[in-house]
Amino acid sequence: MSTSPRAPLRASRPAPGELRLGMVVFDRQCDLAAEIVGFAGPMVRVVRPTGLHWQTHRVTLRPATPYEERQLTALAALHRTRLKGR
């Protein structure tokens, strides 16, 4: 039996202080990545580059992976291109 202290396990949900405006997160309930645009108590307002926006509980959010962040950036570029009519 080992007596060395173990590192605490990280919770799968972000702590309330970890979420901030402009942060890209993944909503597990909607299965979508989005950017945080506001807070209202336990709810978080998020938006996608296409204009889709919704509110969700902060416990359903996790920080986006680099891959999900790149997907959101690519979606924004595609949306801008389509709005130009190309």
C-alpha atoms as a PDB file:
ATOM      1  CA  MET A   1       0.000   0.000   0.000  1.00  0.00           C
ATOM      2  CA  SER A   2       1.386   3.369  -1.019  1.00  0.00           C
ATOM      3  CA  THR A   3       1.355   6.320   1.372  1.00  0.00           C
ATOM      4  CA  SER A   4       2.148   8.938  -1.268  1.00  0.00           C
ATOM      5  CA  PRO A   5      -0.596  11.518  -1.836  1.00  0.00           C
ATOM      6  CA  ARG A   6      -2.464  11.266  -5.097  1.00  0.00           C
ATOM      7  CA  ALA A   7      -3.315  14.190  -7.299  1.00  0.00           C
ATOM      8  CA  PRO A   8      -6.985  15.100  -7.025  1.00  0.00           C
ATOM      9  CA  LEU A   9      -9.156  13.979  -9.916  1.00  0.00           C
ATOM     10  CA  ARG A  10     -10.365  16.795 -12.124  1.00  0.00           C
ATOM     11  CA  ALA A  11     -14.122  17.120 -12.366  1.00  0.00           C
ATOM     12  CA  SER A  12     -15.619  16.674 -15.817  1.00  0.00           C
ATOM     13  CA  ARG A  13     -17.513  19.966 -15.418  1.00  0.00           C
ATOM     14  CA  PRO A  14     -15.810  23.339 -15.323  1.00  0.00           C
ATOM     15  CA  ALA A  15     -15.948  25.219 -12.039  1.00  0.00           C
ATOM     16  CA  PRO A  16     -18.024  28.418 -12.188  1.00  0.00           C
ATOM     17  CA  GLY A  17     -14.861  30.536 -12.272  1.00  0.00           C
ATOM     18  CA  GLU A  18     -13.516  28.704 -15.305  1.00  0.00           C
ATOM     19  CA  LEU A  19     -16.190  30.015 -17.666  1.00  0.00           C
ATOM     20  CA  ARG A  20     -15.648  33.495 -19.079  1.00  0.00           C
ATOM     21  CA  LEU A  21     -17.021  35.721 -21.828  1.00  0.00           C
ATOM     22  CA  GLY A  22     -15.647  34.916 -25.264  1.00  0.00           C
ATOM     23  CA  MET A  23     -14.640  31.389 -24.264  1.00  0.00           C
ATOM     24  CA  VAL A  24     -15.389  28.619 -26.772  1.00  0.00           C
ATOM     25  CA  VAL A  25     -17.256  25.789 -25.077  1.00  0.00           C
ATOM     26  CA  PHE A  26     -18.960  22.549 -26.068  1.00  0.00           C
ATOM     27  CA  ASP A  27     -22.582  22.072 -24.983  1.00  0.00           C
ATOM     28  CA  ARG A  28     -23.050  18.371 -24.287  1.00  0.00           C
ATOM     29  CA  GLN A  29     -26.843  18.709 -24.262  1.00  0.00           C
ATOM     30  CA  CYS A  30     -27.018  20.201 -27.785  1.00  0.00           C
ATOM     31  CA  ASP A  31     -23.834  18.494 -29.018  1.00  0.00           C
ATOM     32  CA  LEU A  32     -22.542  21.809 -30.421  1.00  0.00           C
ATOM     33  CA  ALA A  33     -19.583  24.128 -29.900  1.00  0.00           C
ATOM     34  CA  ALA A  34     -20.346  27.798 -29.286  1.00  0.00           C
ATOM     35  CA  GLU A  35     -18.945  30.994 -27.780  1.00  0.00           C
ATOM     36  CA  ILE A  36     -20.087  32.360 -24.410  1.00  0.00           C
ATOM     37  CA  VAL A  37     -21.755  35.766 -24.725  1.00  0.00           C
ATOM     38  CA  GLY A  38     -23.368  36.165 -21.305  1.00  0.00           C
ATOM     39  CA  PHE A  39     -24.389  34.788 -17.937  1.00  0.00           C
ATOM     40  CA  ALA A  40     -27.749  34.822 -16.149  1.00  0.00           C
ATOM     41  CA  GLY A  41     -27.515  33.049 -12.793  1.00  0.00           C
ATOM     42  CA  PRO A  42     -26.933  29.343 -13.426  1.00  0.00           C
ATOM     43  CA  MET A  43     -27.624  29.812 -17.128  1.00  0.00           C
ATOM     44  CA  VAL A  44     -25.059  30.684 -19.800  1.00  0.00           C
ATOM     45  CA  ARG A  45     -25.906  32.375 -23.099  1.00  0.00           C
ATOM     46  CA  VAL A  46     -23.967  30.997 -26.059  1.00  0.00           C
ATOM     47  CA  VAL A  47     -23.906  31.773 -29.781  1.00  0.00           C
ATOM     48  CA  ARG A  48     -22.596  30.139 -32.942  1.00  0.00           C
ATOM     49  CA  PRO A  49     -21.129  32.114 -35.886  1.00  0.00           C
ATOM     50  CA  THR A  50     -24.314  31.510 -37.900  1.00  0.00           C
ATOM     51  CA  GLY A  51     -26.356  33.473 -35.349  1.00  0.00           C
ATOM     52  CA  LEU A  52     -27.904  30.481 -33.612  1.00  0.00           C
ATOM     53  CA  HIS A  53     -28.048  31.291 -29.910  1.00  0.00           C
ATOM     54  CA  TRP A  54     -29.447  29.604 -26.824  1.00  0.00           C
ATOM     55  CA  GLN A  55     -29.213  29.420 -23.056  1.00  0.00           C
ATOM     56  CA  THR A  56     -27.986  26.353 -21.246  1.00  0.00           C
ATOM     57  CA  HIS A  57     -27.058  25.318 -17.729  1.00  0.00           C
ATOM     58  CA  ARG A  58     -23.376  25.784 -16.990  1.00  0.00           C
ATOM     59  CA  VAL A  59     -23.079  22.132 -15.914  1.00  0.00           C
ATOM     60  CA  THR A  60     -23.733  20.996 -19.505  1.00  0.00           C
ATOM     61  CA  LEU A  61     -20.712  22.960 -20.769  1.00  0.00           C
ATOM     62  CA  ARG A  62     -17.083  21.969 -21.003  1.00  0.00           C
ATOM     63  CA  PRO A  63     -14.158  23.844 -22.548  1.00  0.00           C
ATOM     64  CA  ALA A  64     -13.900  23.138 -26.262  1.00  0.00           C
ATOM     65  CA  THR A  65     -11.019  21.079 -27.570  1.00  0.00           C
ATOM     66  CA  PRO A  66      -8.606  22.713 -30.044  1.00  0.00           C
ATOM     67  CA  TYR A  67     -10.290  20.674 -32.800  1.00  0.00           C
ATOM     68  CA  GLU A  68     -13.747  22.028 -31.853  1.00  0.00           C
ATOM     69  CA  GLU A  69     -12.356  25.568 -31.760  1.00  0.00           C
ATOM     70  CA  ARG A  70     -10.964  25.114 -35.292  1.00  0.00           C
ATOM     71  CA  GLN A  71     -14.344  23.784 -36.447  1.00  0.00           C
ATOM     72  CA  LEU A  72     -16.076  26.881 -35.086  1.00  0.00           C
ATOM     73  CA  THR A  73     -13.526  29.142 -36.806  1.00  0.00           C
ATOM     74  CA  ALA A  74     -14.033  27.287 -40.104  1.00  0.00           C
ATOM     75  CA  LEU A  75     -17.809  27.574 -39.735  1.00  0.00           C
ATOM     76  CA  ALA A  76     -17.480  31.336 -39.224  1.00  0.00           C
ATOM     77  CA  ALA A  77     -15.349  31.669 -42.379  1.00  0.00           C
ATOM     78  CA  LEU A  78     -17.820  29.579 -44.398  1.00  0.00           C
ATOM     79  CA  HIS A  79     -20.759  31.609 -43.110  1.00  0.00           C
ATOM     80  CA  ARG A  80     -19.046  34.908 -44.045  1.00  0.00           C
ATOM     81  CA  THR A  81     -18.299  33.556 -47.531  1.00  0.00           C
ATOM     82  CA  ARG A  82     -21.888  32.446 -48.072  1.00  0.00           C
ATOM     83  CA  LEU A  83     -23.220  35.792 -46.921  1.00  0.00           C
ATOM     84  CA  LYS A  84     -21.098  37.435 -49.629  1.00  0.00           C
ATOM     85  CA  GLY A  85     -22.831  35.232 -52.210  1.00  0.00           C
ATOM     86  CA  ARG A  86     -19.836  33.220 -53.345  1.00  0.00           C
END
